[in-house]
Every structure is written in C-alpha cells, then in structure tokens.
C-alpha cells in the first residue's frame, strides 16, 4: 500500500460503518496507533532518544530526543 493509499484508508476507515462495527474499528485503530507509539519509544530513562528515529549519517550516530516529532504530533492530535 502506498503512503497516499494508507492515508486514504485511515481517513475513510469509518465511512459507511454500521454502529455495531464502530467498536471493532476503534479497537483496530487503537492497536495501530499503539504500534506506532511502541516503535517510537525512548531507548531508556537515562538515554531519552527515540529508538526508531535514531539513525547513522556518514558514520556518526544521529539521535533524536524523545519525544520525537512523531510522538509530539500524536500527543497534539490526541489533546
């Protein structure tokens, strides 16, 4: 699935669902969101770097402090 297809699927995920199916979709969407948050967890309490956003650039370790941009955006949208 392309990025655009995934965004369209998320945007349309509850369109046309009957009331009894909304709870199932909510659980599925919650699992997906939790999976993203788990990917972007801090390495440890002593080293608050996002595990997923950490990378290597020209032989040097590139670190992104937690909360990373992904987590900050999720927090913003949930507020």
C-alpha atoms as a PDB file:
ATOM      1  CA  UNK A   1       0.000   0.000   0.000  1.00  0.00           C
ATOM      2  CA  UNK A   2       1.393   3.414  -0.901  1.00  0.00           C
ATOM      3  CA  UNK A   3       1.558   6.266   1.608  1.00  0.00           C
ATOM      4  CA  UNK A   4      -1.343   8.025  -0.111  1.00  0.00           C
ATOM      5  CA  UNK A   5      -3.429   4.837  -0.127  1.00  0.00           C
ATOM      6  CA  UNK A   6      -2.766   4.328   3.591  1.00  0.00           C
ATOM      7  CA  UNK A   7      -3.797   7.915   4.395  1.00  0.00           C
ATOM      8  CA  UNK A   8      -6.982   7.489   2.320  1.00  0.00           C
ATOM      9  CA  UNK A   9      -7.740   4.208   4.119  1.00  0.00           C
ATOM     10  CA  UNK A  10      -7.303   5.850   7.524  1.00  0.00           C
ATOM     11  CA  UNK A  11      -9.431   8.844   6.538  1.00  0.00           C
ATOM     12  CA  UNK A  12     -12.162   6.563   5.198  1.00  0.00           C
ATOM     13  CA  UNK A  13     -11.885   3.865   7.880  1.00  0.00           C
ATOM     14  CA  UNK A  14     -15.288   4.519   9.445  1.00  0.00           C
ATOM     15  CA  UNK A  15     -17.203   5.718   6.396  1.00  0.00           C
ATOM     16  CA  UNK A  16     -20.394   3.712   5.981  1.00  0.00           C
ATOM     17  CA  UNK A  17     -19.883   1.510   9.019  1.00  0.00           C
ATOM     18  CA  UNK A  18     -22.910   0.492  10.982  1.00  0.00           C
ATOM     19  CA  UNK A  19     -22.991   1.331  14.671  1.00  0.00           C
ATOM     20  CA  UNK A  20     -22.116  -2.216  15.777  1.00  0.00           C
ATOM     21  CA  UNK A  21     -18.924  -2.200  13.698  1.00  0.00           C
ATOM     22  CA  UNK A  22     -17.555   1.076  15.041  1.00  0.00           C
ATOM     23  CA  UNK A  23     -16.222  -0.513  18.234  1.00  0.00           C
ATOM     24  CA  UNK A  24     -14.288  -3.132  16.230  1.00  0.00           C
ATOM     25  CA  UNK A  25     -12.784  -0.409  14.041  1.00  0.00           C
ATOM     26  CA  UNK A  26     -11.899   1.656  17.121  1.00  0.00           C
ATOM     27  CA  UNK A  27     -10.027  -1.313  18.597  1.00  0.00           C
ATOM     28  CA  UNK A  28      -8.171  -1.905  15.338  1.00  0.00           C
ATOM     29  CA  UNK A  29      -7.215   1.767  15.021  1.00  0.00           C
ATOM     30  CA  UNK A  30      -6.091   1.855  18.661  1.00  0.00           C
ATOM     31  CA  UNK A  31      -3.832  -1.165  18.064  1.00  0.00           C
ATOM     32  CA  UNK A  32      -2.304   0.548  15.027  1.00  0.00           C
ATOM     33  CA  UNK A  33      -1.676   3.783  16.935  1.00  0.00           C
ATOM     34  CA  UNK A  34      -0.160   1.865  19.837  1.00  0.00           C
ATOM     35  CA  UNK A  35       2.181   0.058  17.431  1.00  0.00           C
ATOM     36  CA  UNK A  36       3.477   3.409  16.141  1.00  0.00           C
ATOM     37  CA  UNK A  37       3.980   4.707  19.696  1.00  0.00           C
ATOM     38  CA  UNK A  38       5.845   1.495  20.612  1.00  0.00           C
ATOM     39  CA  UNK A  39       8.172   1.968  17.616  1.00  0.00           C
ATOM     40  CA  UNK A  40       8.993   5.481  18.788  1.00  0.00           C
ATOM     41  CA  UNK A  41       9.728   4.662  22.418  1.00  0.00           C
ATOM     42  CA  UNK A  42      12.702   6.120  24.282  1.00  0.00           C
ATOM     43  CA  UNK A  43      15.790   3.954  24.455  1.00  0.00           C
ATOM     44  CA  UNK A  44      15.829   4.170  28.255  1.00  0.00           C
ATOM     45  CA  UNK A  45      15.041   6.627  31.024  1.00  0.00           C
ATOM     46  CA  UNK A  46      18.735   7.508  31.229  1.00  0.00           C
ATOM     47  CA  UNK A  47      19.073   7.919  27.456  1.00  0.00           C
ATOM     48  CA  UNK A  48      15.872   9.578  26.202  1.00  0.00           C
ATOM     49  CA  UNK A  49      16.458   9.033  22.497  1.00  0.00           C
ATOM     50  CA  UNK A  50      13.777   7.777  20.138  1.00  0.00           C
ATOM     51  CA  UNK A  51      14.747   4.253  19.085  1.00  0.00           C
ATOM     52  CA  UNK A  52      13.024   4.477  15.693  1.00  0.00           C
ATOM     53  CA  UNK A  53      14.290   7.936  14.722  1.00  0.00           C
ATOM     54  CA  UNK A  54      17.899   7.163  15.601  1.00  0.00           C
ATOM     55  CA  UNK A  55      19.994   6.658  12.513  1.00  0.00           C
ATOM     56  CA  UNK A  56      23.508   6.671  11.157  1.00  0.00           C
ATOM     57  CA  UNK A  57      24.665   9.528   8.970  1.00  0.00           C
ATOM     58  CA  UNK A  58      28.152   9.450   7.465  1.00  0.00           C
ATOM     59  CA  UNK A  59      29.364   7.053  10.136  1.00  0.00           C
ATOM     60  CA  UNK A  60      28.041   9.128  13.029  1.00  0.00           C
ATOM     61  CA  UNK A  61      25.043   8.243  15.133  1.00  0.00           C
ATOM     62  CA  UNK A  62      22.219  10.697  14.607  1.00  0.00           C
ATOM     63  CA  UNK A  63      19.921  10.859  17.624  1.00  0.00           C
ATOM     64  CA  UNK A  64      16.528  12.433  18.112  1.00  0.00           C
ATOM     65  CA  UNK A  65      15.500  13.243  21.657  1.00  0.00           C
ATOM     66  CA  UNK A  66      12.273  11.796  22.993  1.00  0.00           C
ATOM     67  CA  UNK A  67       9.583  12.863  22.463  1.00  0.00           C
ATOM     68  CA  UNK A  68      10.406  12.793  18.765  1.00  0.00           C
ATOM     69  CA  UNK A  69       8.335  14.667  16.161  1.00  0.00           C
ATOM     70  CA  UNK A  70       6.107  11.612  15.652  1.00  0.00           C
ATOM     71  CA  UNK A  71       5.207  11.363  19.338  1.00  0.00           C
ATOM     72  CA  UNK A  72       4.726  15.125  19.638  1.00  0.00           C
ATOM     73  CA  UNK A  73       2.294  15.076  16.695  1.00  0.00           C
ATOM     74  CA  UNK A  74       0.356  12.137  18.158  1.00  0.00           C
ATOM     75  CA  UNK A  75       0.139  13.950  21.512  1.00  0.00           C
ATOM     76  CA  UNK A  76      -1.065  17.109  19.760  1.00  0.00           C
ATOM     77  CA  UNK A  77      -3.785  15.266  17.826  1.00  0.00           C
ATOM     78  CA  UNK A  78      -4.974  13.397  20.918  1.00  0.00           C
ATOM     79  CA  UNK A  79      -5.248  16.584  23.011  1.00  0.00           C
END
